[in-house]
Amino acid sequence: MPSIDSNKALFLLSSGVYVPRKIDRLLEGWAAEAGRKPLVLRGARQTGKSSSVRELGKGFDLFLELNLE
């Protein structure tokens, strides 16, 4: 994944454009599995977990996000 300077990242985040993350490939792999189990993501605050899951959810007919923060 190419690096992005902080000024450009700030602009992209504030403009509502999705910034791809390293975890996206892992999430796509999970989505492609037959008989997959529910997905639980844990991690530090404001690292893009919710954004990544919402982006992944666009590819499903049914999508439920449960945020326990």
N, C-alpha and C. Protein backbone atom coordinates (compact mmCIF):
# COMPACT_ATOMS: atom_id res chain seq x y z
N MET A 1 0.86 -1.17 0.00
CA MET A 1 0.00 0.00 0.00
C MET A 1 0.91 1.24 0.00
N PRO A 2 0.66 2.20 -0.90
CA PRO A 2 1.50 3.39 -0.94
C PRO A 2 1.30 4.24 0.30
N SER A 3 2.36 4.93 0.72
CA SER A 3 2.23 5.81 1.87
C SER A 3 1.57 7.11 1.43
N ILE A 4 0.99 7.80 2.40
CA ILE A 4 0.28 9.05 2.10
C ILE A 4 0.72 10.09 3.12
N ASP A 5 0.99 11.32 2.66
CA ASP A 5 1.44 12.32 3.62
C ASP A 5 0.28 12.78 4.48
N SER A 6 0.58 13.32 5.66
CA SER A 6 -0.45 13.64 6.65
C SER A 6 -1.41 14.72 6.17
N ASN A 7 -0.95 15.70 5.39
CA ASN A 7 -1.86 16.74 4.91
C ASN A 7 -2.89 16.16 3.94
N LYS A 8 -2.44 15.28 3.05
CA LYS A 8 -3.35 14.65 2.10
C LYS A 8 -4.32 13.73 2.85
N ALA A 9 -3.84 13.00 3.84
CA ALA A 9 -4.70 12.11 4.62
C ALA A 9 -5.77 12.92 5.35
N LEU A 10 -5.40 14.05 5.92
CA LEU A 10 -6.36 14.89 6.62
C LEU A 10 -7.44 15.38 5.67
N PHE A 11 -7.04 15.79 4.46
CA PHE A 11 -8.00 16.24 3.46
C PHE A 11 -8.95 15.11 3.08
N LEU A 12 -8.41 13.93 2.82
CA LEU A 12 -9.25 12.80 2.42
C LEU A 12 -10.23 12.43 3.51
N LEU A 13 -9.77 12.40 4.74
CA LEU A 13 -10.64 12.04 5.86
C LEU A 13 -11.73 13.08 6.05
N SER A 14 -11.41 14.35 5.92
CA SER A 14 -12.39 15.40 6.13
C SER A 14 -13.35 15.53 4.95
N SER A 15 -12.97 15.01 3.78
CA SER A 15 -13.84 15.11 2.61
C SER A 15 -14.78 13.91 2.48
N GLY A 16 -14.67 12.94 3.36
CA GLY A 16 -15.56 11.78 3.33
C GLY A 16 -15.14 10.70 2.35
N VAL A 17 -13.95 10.79 1.81
CA VAL A 17 -13.43 9.78 0.90
C VAL A 17 -12.84 8.64 1.72
N TYR A 18 -13.16 7.39 1.33
CA TYR A 18 -12.64 6.24 2.07
C TYR A 18 -11.15 6.07 1.78
N VAL A 19 -10.37 5.94 2.82
CA VAL A 19 -8.94 5.70 2.70
C VAL A 19 -8.69 4.21 2.92
N PRO A 20 -8.22 3.49 1.89
CA PRO A 20 -7.98 2.05 2.05
C PRO A 20 -6.98 1.77 3.17
N ARG A 21 -7.20 0.64 3.86
CA ARG A 21 -6.34 0.25 4.97
C ARG A 21 -5.82 -1.17 4.75
N LYS A 22 -4.75 -1.49 5.46
CA LYS A 22 -4.15 -2.82 5.33
C LYS A 22 -5.12 -3.94 5.68
N ILE A 23 -6.02 -3.68 6.61
CA ILE A 23 -6.95 -4.72 7.06
C ILE A 23 -7.99 -5.08 6.00
N ASP A 24 -8.18 -4.23 5.00
CA ASP A 24 -9.21 -4.48 3.99
C ASP A 24 -9.05 -5.83 3.30
N ARG A 25 -7.83 -6.21 2.99
CA ARG A 25 -7.60 -7.51 2.34
C ARG A 25 -8.00 -8.67 3.25
N LEU A 26 -7.70 -8.54 4.53
CA LEU A 26 -8.09 -9.59 5.48
C LEU A 26 -9.61 -9.69 5.60
N LEU A 27 -10.27 -8.55 5.61
CA LEU A 27 -11.73 -8.54 5.70
C LEU A 27 -12.35 -9.14 4.45
N GLU A 28 -11.79 -8.85 3.30
CA GLU A 28 -12.29 -9.43 2.06
C GLU A 28 -12.10 -10.95 2.05
N GLY A 29 -10.98 -11.41 2.60
CA GLY A 29 -10.75 -12.85 2.73
C GLY A 29 -11.77 -13.50 3.64
N TRP A 30 -12.09 -12.83 4.75
CA TRP A 30 -13.11 -13.33 5.67
C TRP A 30 -14.46 -13.42 4.95
N ALA A 31 -14.79 -12.40 4.18
CA ALA A 31 -16.08 -12.35 3.48
C ALA A 31 -16.20 -13.46 2.44
N ALA A 32 -15.08 -13.88 1.87
CA ALA A 32 -15.09 -14.91 0.82
C ALA A 32 -15.17 -16.33 1.38
N GLU A 33 -14.95 -16.50 2.67
CA GLU A 33 -14.98 -17.83 3.28
C GLU A 33 -16.39 -18.40 3.31
N ALA A 34 -16.49 -19.68 2.99
CA ALA A 34 -17.77 -20.37 3.13
C ALA A 34 -17.97 -20.71 4.60
N GLY A 35 -19.17 -20.54 5.10
CA GLY A 35 -19.47 -20.88 6.49
C GLY A 35 -18.75 -20.00 7.49
N ARG A 36 -18.52 -18.74 7.13
CA ARG A 36 -17.79 -17.84 8.04
C ARG A 36 -18.60 -17.56 9.30
N LYS A 37 -17.89 -17.25 10.36
CA LYS A 37 -18.50 -16.92 11.64
C LYS A 37 -18.61 -15.40 11.74
N PRO A 38 -19.40 -14.89 12.71
CA PRO A 38 -19.50 -13.44 12.87
C PRO A 38 -18.13 -12.81 13.08
N LEU A 39 -18.00 -11.60 12.62
CA LEU A 39 -16.74 -10.87 12.68
C LEU A 39 -16.73 -9.95 13.90
N VAL A 40 -15.69 -10.02 14.69
CA VAL A 40 -15.51 -9.12 15.83
C VAL A 40 -14.16 -8.44 15.65
N LEU A 41 -14.18 -7.12 15.59
CA LEU A 41 -12.94 -6.34 15.48
C LEU A 41 -12.71 -5.60 16.78
N ARG A 42 -11.52 -5.71 17.30
CA ARG A 42 -11.13 -4.97 18.50
C ARG A 42 -9.84 -4.23 18.19
N GLY A 43 -9.66 -3.09 18.82
CA GLY A 43 -8.42 -2.37 18.61
C GLY A 43 -8.49 -0.96 19.16
N ALA A 44 -7.42 -0.25 18.95
CA ALA A 44 -7.31 1.13 19.43
C ALA A 44 -8.38 2.01 18.80
N ARG A 45 -8.68 3.09 19.49
CA ARG A 45 -9.68 4.04 18.99
C ARG A 45 -9.17 4.78 17.76
N GLN A 46 -10.11 5.15 16.91
CA GLN A 46 -9.88 6.01 15.74
C GLN A 46 -8.78 5.49 14.82
N THR A 47 -8.84 4.19 14.54
CA THR A 47 -7.87 3.61 13.61
C THR A 47 -8.54 3.15 12.32
N GLY A 48 -9.85 3.34 12.19
CA GLY A 48 -10.55 3.01 10.96
C GLY A 48 -11.30 1.69 10.97
N LYS A 49 -11.49 1.10 12.14
CA LYS A 49 -12.20 -0.18 12.22
C LYS A 49 -13.63 -0.04 11.67
N SER A 50 -14.37 0.92 12.15
CA SER A 50 -15.75 1.10 11.71
C SER A 50 -15.82 1.44 10.22
N SER A 51 -14.95 2.31 9.77
CA SER A 51 -14.94 2.69 8.34
C SER A 51 -14.66 1.48 7.46
N SER A 52 -13.70 0.66 7.87
CA SER A 52 -13.36 -0.54 7.09
C SER A 52 -14.53 -1.51 7.03
N VAL A 53 -15.20 -1.71 8.15
CA VAL A 53 -16.33 -2.63 8.19
C VAL A 53 -17.49 -2.08 7.36
N ARG A 54 -17.75 -0.81 7.45
CA ARG A 54 -18.83 -0.20 6.64
C ARG A 54 -18.54 -0.31 5.16
N GLU A 55 -17.30 -0.12 4.78
CA GLU A 55 -16.91 -0.27 3.37
C GLU A 55 -17.10 -1.71 2.92
N LEU A 56 -16.71 -2.67 3.75
CA LEU A 56 -16.92 -4.08 3.45
C LEU A 56 -18.41 -4.39 3.34
N GLY A 57 -19.20 -3.80 4.22
CA GLY A 57 -20.64 -4.04 4.25
C GLY A 57 -21.36 -3.63 2.98
N LYS A 58 -20.78 -2.74 2.21
CA LYS A 58 -21.40 -2.31 0.95
C LYS A 58 -21.53 -3.45 -0.03
N GLY A 59 -20.74 -4.50 0.14
CA GLY A 59 -20.78 -5.65 -0.75
C GLY A 59 -21.78 -6.72 -0.36
N PHE A 60 -22.51 -6.53 0.72
CA PHE A 60 -23.48 -7.51 1.21
C PHE A 60 -24.90 -6.99 1.01
N ASP A 61 -25.83 -7.92 0.80
CA ASP A 61 -27.24 -7.53 0.74
C ASP A 61 -27.74 -7.12 2.12
N LEU A 62 -27.32 -7.84 3.14
CA LEU A 62 -27.69 -7.55 4.52
C LEU A 62 -26.43 -7.26 5.32
N PHE A 63 -26.49 -6.22 6.13
CA PHE A 63 -25.31 -5.81 6.90
C PHE A 63 -25.80 -5.23 8.22
N LEU A 64 -25.24 -5.73 9.32
CA LEU A 64 -25.58 -5.22 10.65
C LEU A 64 -24.30 -4.85 11.36
N GLU A 65 -24.22 -3.62 11.80
CA GLU A 65 -23.06 -3.16 12.56
C GLU A 65 -23.51 -2.96 14.01
N LEU A 66 -22.79 -3.57 14.91
CA LEU A 66 -23.06 -3.43 16.33
C LEU A 66 -21.81 -2.87 16.98
N ASN A 67 -21.88 -1.61 17.41
CA ASN A 67 -20.73 -0.94 18.00
C ASN A 67 -20.90 -0.94 19.52
N LEU A 68 -20.01 -1.60 20.22
CA LEU A 68 -20.12 -1.73 21.68
C LEU A 68 -19.23 -0.76 22.43
N GLU A 69 -18.82 0.31 21.77
CA GLU A 69 -17.98 1.29 22.44
C GLU A 69 -18.73 2.03 23.49
